[in-house]
Amino acid sequence: MAAGKNGQADRGLERPLELGVQTKNIVEDENPAAGFRMMKAAGFSCADFSLNYYLTNTTLYRFERNDFFDRSERELEEYFTPHRQGAKEAGIRIHQMHMPYPIYVPNGKQELNDYLWDVVAPKSLAVCAFFGCPYLVVHGFKLSRNLGSEEAEWEQTKRFLQSVAPAARERGITVCIENLYSNVGGHLVEGPCCNGKKAAERIDQINEQYGAEVLGFCFDTGHANLVGVDFEEFITTLGGRLKVLHIHDNDGVKDLHQIPFTFTKTRENTASTDWAGFVRGLRTIGFGQVLNFETAPVLNSFPDAIKEDALAFLARIGNWFSQEITRGHR
């Protein structure tokens, strides 16, 4: 979708927004079609394919890796053919996916970081293209304390983005950077991409350099809540540069990835997350993309007997968001 004046989206919002959800804890490799059917039955039409499930952050932060991405591009396509077919048969569109992260491990060995940069990143783009997926989310490098400044940290992230930008342009993929948090001495602080104005300027610079929308933004509600980001201001500053969402909730203390409206600040049930600002921001920019839930832990929180009910409840919340965002624009 093209961006109009001030980066806002050119869309009349005349129809409900599509809903998406993470495939993790829903779609299993042994029978991916069943998981996609469950998503469709619950009310979702899009999927956030959890490519990061195949090389986890917990493994990488231990300075270890598995051999999943040692497969050739052809072997990866064969591996994921049942997933692509299952999604198609269920009527689910793979709208976004998450590159394994971190793509650079602070204090990790050069061999590991070279592998992430030179092997995992390009093969992630290849898998993304295989699914016909337009958006690939990446985490910026958490290096501000190592390098002494946020600007120096961004320069390293920019080097990585410029390394994948030509392939992204060729494959028609928009790589999306995401607002993150960091943990310093047991305290949560702003991580990469928490300044909306800087993010907007940097996205514009890179897209101008490559003459295409090779870079966009993923707004993560849970991360924003943890570090006190002003949702409405951040979203309106990004405008049409905002391509994908990671919608989930937490208590303001830990990154829990739970159902929106789950946590409160008071016994009077004031939500701990600024969902009103979230809705206002998306309404203001005419957001016309997918309302996507990054809520994989939710599916482990409920007994298997009501797992599908929990998924349907998430979709119901998504429909409410859609109604509120599009209200007054029809």
Protein backbone atom coordinates (compact mmCIF):
# COMPACT_ATOMS: atom_id res chain seq x y z
CA MET A 1 0.00 0.00 0.00
CA ALA A 2 1.49 3.33 -1.02
CA ALA A 3 2.20 6.06 1.50
CA GLY A 4 0.67 9.48 0.97
CA LYS A 5 1.48 12.89 2.42
CA ASN A 6 3.46 12.78 5.69
CA GLY A 7 3.83 9.03 5.29
CA GLN A 8 0.16 8.34 5.89
CA ALA A 9 -1.53 5.46 4.13
CA ASP A 10 -3.74 6.10 1.10
CA ARG A 11 -6.78 4.08 2.10
CA GLY A 12 -10.40 4.87 2.79
CA LEU A 13 -10.80 2.16 5.43
CA GLU A 14 -14.09 1.12 3.91
CA ARG A 15 -13.80 -2.52 5.01
CA PRO A 16 -12.78 -4.44 8.14
CA LEU A 17 -9.09 -5.02 8.67
CA GLU A 18 -7.72 -8.53 8.24
CA LEU A 19 -6.57 -10.44 11.30
CA GLY A 20 -3.35 -12.40 11.71
CA VAL A 21 -1.67 -14.47 14.40
CA GLN A 22 1.66 -16.21 15.03
CA THR A 23 1.94 -19.75 13.74
CA LYS A 24 4.05 -20.85 16.75
CA ASN A 25 2.09 -23.19 19.06
CA ILE A 26 -0.63 -23.52 16.39
CA VAL A 27 1.02 -24.85 13.23
CA GLU A 28 3.10 -27.98 13.79
CA ASP A 29 5.59 -29.38 11.27
CA GLU A 30 4.06 -32.86 11.47
CA ASN A 31 0.69 -31.63 10.16
CA PRO A 32 0.81 -27.92 9.30
CA ALA A 33 -2.52 -28.02 7.45
CA ALA A 34 -4.39 -28.76 10.68
CA GLY A 35 -2.97 -25.67 12.37
CA PHE A 36 -3.85 -23.41 9.48
CA ARG A 37 -7.40 -24.79 9.46
CA MET A 38 -7.64 -24.02 13.19
CA MET A 39 -6.55 -20.43 12.52
CA LYS A 40 -9.13 -20.01 9.79
CA ALA A 41 -11.93 -21.50 11.91
CA ALA A 42 -11.07 -19.10 14.74
CA GLY A 43 -11.50 -16.09 12.45
CA PHE A 44 -8.02 -15.33 11.10
CA SER A 45 -7.17 -14.87 7.44
CA CYS A 46 -3.44 -14.13 7.78
CA ALA A 47 -0.44 -15.70 9.48
CA ASP A 48 2.73 -14.40 11.04
CA PHE A 49 5.01 -17.30 10.16
CA SER A 50 7.37 -17.99 13.07
CA LEU A 51 10.59 -18.63 11.17
CA ASN A 52 12.45 -17.69 14.36
CA TYR A 53 11.08 -20.91 15.89
CA TYR A 54 13.64 -22.87 13.85
CA LEU A 55 16.67 -21.10 15.37
CA THR A 56 15.74 -19.66 18.75
CA ASN A 57 17.07 -16.65 20.59
CA THR A 58 17.67 -18.72 23.72
CA THR A 59 20.02 -20.94 21.74
CA LEU A 60 21.84 -18.01 20.16
CA TYR A 61 22.32 -16.18 23.45
CA ARG A 62 24.10 -19.32 24.69
CA PHE A 63 26.43 -18.83 21.69
CA GLU A 64 25.07 -22.01 20.10
CA ARG A 65 23.23 -22.80 16.91
CA ASN A 66 21.55 -25.75 15.24
CA ASP A 67 21.93 -26.90 11.64
CA PHE A 68 18.46 -25.97 10.34
CA PHE A 69 19.69 -23.20 8.05
CA ASP A 70 22.55 -25.35 6.78
CA ARG A 71 19.96 -26.66 4.32
CA SER A 72 20.16 -25.33 0.79
CA GLU A 73 17.44 -22.98 -0.44
CA ARG A 74 15.96 -25.87 -2.40
CA GLU A 75 15.93 -28.09 0.70
CA LEU A 76 14.26 -25.33 2.71
CA GLU A 77 11.59 -24.98 0.05
CA GLU A 78 10.96 -28.73 0.17
CA TYR A 79 10.75 -28.59 3.97
CA PHE A 80 8.19 -25.79 3.91
CA THR A 81 6.13 -26.98 0.94
CA PRO A 82 3.54 -28.69 3.20
CA HIS A 83 3.21 -25.45 5.18
CA ARG A 84 2.67 -23.36 2.07
CA GLN A 85 0.16 -25.84 0.70
CA GLY A 86 -1.65 -26.16 4.04
CA ALA A 87 -2.00 -22.38 4.33
CA LYS A 88 -3.31 -22.09 0.78
CA GLU A 89 -5.87 -24.84 1.27
CA ALA A 90 -7.09 -23.26 4.51
CA GLY A 91 -7.38 -19.82 2.94
CA ILE A 92 -4.61 -18.33 5.09
CA ARG A 93 -2.22 -15.74 3.65
CA ILE A 94 1.34 -15.60 5.02
CA HIS A 95 1.44 -11.86 5.58
CA GLN A 96 4.64 -11.54 7.62
CA MET A 97 7.38 -13.65 9.15
CA HIS A 98 10.10 -13.14 11.72
CA MET A 99 13.76 -13.63 10.89
CA PRO A 100 15.62 -15.53 13.64
CA TYR A 101 17.04 -13.15 16.21
CA PRO A 102 19.37 -11.81 17.33
CA ILE A 103 21.00 -11.56 13.94
CA TYR A 104 24.09 -10.32 15.78
CA VAL A 105 25.02 -11.72 19.20
CA PRO A 106 26.89 -9.22 21.38
CA ASN A 107 30.12 -10.79 22.61
CA GLY A 108 29.47 -13.79 20.36
CA LYS A 109 32.25 -15.37 18.33
CA GLN A 110 32.88 -13.97 14.88
CA GLU A 111 32.08 -17.36 13.36
CA LEU A 112 28.58 -17.32 14.85
CA ASN A 113 27.80 -13.76 13.83
CA ASP A 114 29.15 -14.32 10.32
CA TYR A 115 26.86 -17.34 10.05
CA LEU A 116 23.82 -15.31 11.10
CA TRP A 117 24.65 -12.49 8.68
CA ASP A 118 25.86 -14.53 5.70
CA VAL A 119 23.69 -17.66 5.91
CA VAL A 120 20.59 -17.18 8.09
CA ALA A 121 19.66 -13.73 6.79
CA PRO A 122 19.73 -14.48 3.03
CA LYS A 123 18.03 -17.85 3.50
CA SER A 124 15.33 -16.16 5.57
CA LEU A 125 14.69 -13.85 2.61
CA ALA A 126 14.52 -16.89 0.35
CA VAL A 127 11.95 -18.61 2.58
CA CYS A 128 9.97 -15.37 2.77
CA ALA A 129 9.88 -15.17 -1.02
CA PHE A 130 8.92 -18.86 -1.27
CA PHE A 131 5.81 -18.15 0.81
CA GLY A 132 5.01 -15.05 -1.23
CA CYS A 133 5.26 -13.12 2.03
CA PRO A 134 5.69 -9.33 1.65
CA TYR A 135 7.11 -8.48 5.10
CA LEU A 136 10.08 -9.85 7.05
CA VAL A 137 10.64 -8.56 10.60
CA VAL A 138 14.18 -8.20 11.94
CA HIS A 139 15.62 -7.08 15.28
CA GLY A 140 18.14 -4.28 15.29
CA PHE A 141 21.49 -4.85 16.98
CA LYS A 142 21.52 -4.27 20.76
CA LEU A 143 24.91 -2.61 20.92
CA SER A 144 24.43 0.90 22.35
CA ARG A 145 26.22 0.09 25.61
CA ASN A 146 28.98 -1.80 23.79
CA LEU A 147 29.58 1.00 21.29
CA GLY A 148 28.80 4.00 23.48
CA SER A 149 25.78 5.49 21.71
CA GLU A 150 22.49 4.77 19.99
CA GLU A 151 23.85 6.36 16.80
CA ALA A 152 26.79 3.96 16.66
CA GLU A 153 24.39 1.09 17.34
CA TRP A 154 22.20 2.18 14.40
CA GLU A 155 25.21 2.33 12.08
CA GLN A 156 25.83 -1.36 12.68
CA THR A 157 22.15 -2.20 12.12
CA LYS A 158 22.19 -0.08 8.96
CA ARG A 159 25.19 -2.02 7.63
CA PHE A 160 23.21 -5.22 8.03
CA LEU A 161 20.07 -3.76 6.44
CA GLN A 162 22.08 -2.51 3.47
CA SER A 163 23.53 -5.99 3.04
CA VAL A 164 20.05 -7.51 2.60
CA ALA A 165 18.35 -4.56 0.87
CA PRO A 166 19.32 -5.51 -2.72
CA ALA A 167 17.90 -9.03 -2.32
CA ALA A 168 14.80 -7.63 -0.60
CA ARG A 169 14.23 -5.25 -3.51
CA GLU A 170 14.73 -8.02 -6.03
CA ARG A 171 12.30 -10.34 -4.22
CA GLY A 172 9.68 -7.67 -3.51
CA ILE A 173 10.09 -7.92 0.28
CA THR A 174 9.94 -5.09 2.80
CA VAL A 175 12.24 -5.73 5.77
CA CYS A 176 10.70 -4.26 8.94
CA ILE A 177 12.68 -3.03 11.93
CA GLU A 178 10.98 -3.31 15.33
CA ASN A 179 10.93 -1.30 18.56
CA LEU A 180 12.78 -3.29 21.23
CA TYR A 181 13.75 -3.13 24.88
CA SER A 182 17.01 -3.96 26.63
CA ASN A 183 17.78 -5.28 30.09
CA VAL A 184 20.43 -3.40 32.04
CA GLY A 185 21.21 -4.53 35.55
CA GLY A 186 17.77 -6.05 35.94
CA HIS A 187 16.05 -2.89 34.67
CA LEU A 188 14.21 -2.62 31.37
CA VAL A 189 15.30 0.32 29.20
CA GLU A 190 14.68 1.43 25.65
CA GLY A 191 16.32 -0.75 23.04
CA PRO A 192 16.80 -0.19 19.30
CA CYS A 193 14.20 1.72 17.29
CA CYS A 194 12.27 3.31 20.17
CA ASN A 195 12.44 6.83 18.72
CA GLY A 196 9.69 7.24 16.13
CA LYS A 197 11.15 10.37 14.51
CA LYS A 198 14.56 8.79 14.04
CA ALA A 199 12.98 5.58 12.73
CA ALA A 200 10.91 7.49 10.16
CA GLU A 201 13.93 9.45 8.93
CA ARG A 202 16.11 6.35 8.69
CA ILE A 203 13.47 4.37 6.81
CA ASP A 204 13.06 7.20 4.31
CA GLN A 205 16.81 7.48 3.78
CA ILE A 206 17.30 3.80 3.05
CA ASN A 207 14.24 3.56 0.80
CA GLU A 208 15.44 6.60 -1.14
CA GLN A 209 18.87 4.99 -1.48
CA TYR A 210 17.40 1.83 -3.02
CA GLY A 211 14.49 3.41 -4.87
CA ALA A 212 12.00 0.99 -3.32
CA GLU A 213 10.21 0.21 -0.05
CA VAL A 214 12.92 -2.16 1.15
CA LEU A 215 12.50 -0.96 4.75
CA GLY A 216 9.40 -0.49 6.89
CA PHE A 217 8.44 -0.67 10.55
CA CYS A 218 6.91 -3.25 12.90
CA PHE A 219 5.24 -1.70 15.95
CA ASP A 220 5.32 -4.03 18.96
CA THR A 221 2.73 -3.04 21.58
CA GLY A 222 4.24 -5.15 24.36
CA HIS A 223 7.74 -3.75 23.93
CA ALA A 224 6.34 -0.22 23.74
CA ASN A 225 4.43 -0.73 26.99
CA LEU A 226 7.53 -1.99 28.81
CA VAL A 227 9.53 1.19 28.14
CA GLY A 228 6.74 3.78 28.22
CA VAL A 229 6.50 4.68 24.55
CA ASP A 230 3.61 7.02 23.68
CA PHE A 231 1.62 4.76 21.35
CA GLU A 232 -0.37 7.45 19.54
CA GLU A 233 2.58 9.77 18.97
CA PHE A 234 4.84 6.94 17.81
CA ILE A 235 2.30 5.52 15.36
CA THR A 236 1.32 8.87 13.88
CA THR A 237 4.98 9.80 13.45
CA LEU A 238 5.59 6.59 11.49
CA GLY A 239 2.49 7.01 9.31
CA GLY A 240 2.51 4.80 6.23
CA ARG A 241 5.96 3.47 7.09
CA LEU A 242 4.19 1.25 9.62
CA LYS A 243 3.66 -2.03 7.77
CA VAL A 244 3.13 -4.73 10.41
CA LEU A 245 2.02 -5.05 14.01
CA HIS A 246 2.93 -7.29 16.92
CA ILE A 247 -0.11 -6.98 19.20
CA HIS A 248 0.18 -8.41 22.72
CA ASP A 249 -0.04 -7.35 26.34
CA ASN A 250 2.03 -7.44 29.53
CA ASP A 251 2.15 -6.11 33.08
CA GLY A 252 4.71 -3.41 32.28
CA VAL A 253 7.42 -5.49 33.95
CA LYS A 254 8.00 -8.57 31.77
CA ASP A 255 7.59 -9.35 28.07
CA LEU A 256 4.71 -11.81 28.54
CA HIS A 257 3.01 -11.77 25.09
CA GLN A 258 -0.47 -12.22 26.48
CA ILE A 259 -4.04 -11.31 25.47
CA PRO A 260 -4.78 -7.57 25.16
CA PHE A 261 -6.67 -6.03 28.10
CA THR A 262 -5.37 -8.81 30.39
CA PHE A 263 -3.42 -6.55 32.75
CA THR A 264 -4.57 -3.60 34.81
CA LYS A 265 -2.95 -0.82 36.82
CA THR A 266 -5.63 -0.60 39.47
CA ARG A 267 -8.48 -2.60 40.97
CA GLU A 268 -10.76 -0.32 38.95
CA ASN A 269 -9.42 -2.16 35.89
CA THR A 270 -7.55 0.59 34.11
CA ALA A 271 -5.61 -1.23 31.39
CA SER A 272 -1.85 -1.26 31.85
CA THR A 273 -1.42 -0.78 28.10
CA ASP A 274 -2.63 2.32 26.22
CA TRP A 275 -5.01 0.56 23.86
CA ALA A 276 -6.99 3.77 23.33
CA GLY A 277 -3.85 5.52 22.05
CA PHE A 278 -3.11 2.50 19.89
CA VAL A 279 -6.54 2.72 18.25
CA ARG A 280 -6.37 6.50 17.81
CA GLY A 281 -2.95 6.31 16.21
CA LEU A 282 -3.94 3.63 13.71
CA ARG A 283 -7.16 5.47 12.90
CA THR A 284 -5.26 8.71 12.30
CA ILE A 285 -2.82 7.21 9.82
CA GLY A 286 -5.52 5.22 8.02
CA PHE A 287 -3.83 1.93 8.83
CA GLY A 288 -4.96 -0.62 6.27
CA GLN A 289 -2.67 -3.54 6.96
CA VAL A 290 -3.21 -6.64 9.12
CA LEU A 291 -4.03 -6.58 12.84
CA ASN A 292 -1.53 -9.23 13.84
CA PHE A 293 -1.27 -10.88 17.26
CA GLU A 294 2.14 -12.03 18.50
CA THR A 295 0.67 -14.16 21.26
CA ALA A 296 2.19 -17.64 21.00
CA PRO A 297 2.50 -18.06 24.80
CA VAL A 298 -1.27 -17.64 25.13
CA LEU A 299 -1.79 -20.98 23.43
CA ASN A 300 0.29 -22.65 26.15
CA SER A 301 -1.53 -20.84 28.96
CA PHE A 302 -4.86 -22.57 28.36
CA PRO A 303 -5.65 -26.30 28.52
CA ASP A 304 -5.73 -28.04 25.13
CA ALA A 305 -9.50 -28.49 25.44
CA ILE A 306 -10.05 -24.73 25.19
CA LYS A 307 -7.08 -23.79 23.02
CA GLU A 308 -9.34 -23.10 20.04
CA ASP A 309 -11.62 -20.98 22.23
CA ALA A 310 -8.66 -18.85 23.29
CA LEU A 311 -7.68 -18.40 19.66
CA ALA A 312 -11.23 -17.38 18.74
CA PHE A 313 -11.24 -14.90 21.63
CA LEU A 314 -8.11 -13.26 20.21
CA ALA A 315 -9.88 -12.94 16.87
CA ARG A 316 -12.88 -11.37 18.62
CA ILE A 317 -10.59 -8.76 20.15
CA GLY A 318 -9.08 -8.19 16.71
CA ASN A 319 -12.53 -7.58 15.27
CA TRP A 320 -13.20 -5.03 18.01
CA PHE A 321 -9.93 -3.25 17.22
CA SER A 322 -10.90 -3.22 13.54
CA GLN A 323 -14.29 -1.69 14.27
CA GLU A 324 -12.77 1.02 16.44
CA ILE A 325 -9.96 1.84 14.00
CA THR A 326 -12.21 2.05 10.94
CA ARG A 327 -15.06 3.82 12.76
CA GLY A 328 -15.83 7.15 11.11
CA HIS A 329 -13.82 6.36 7.97
CA ARG A 330 -16.41 4.39 6.05
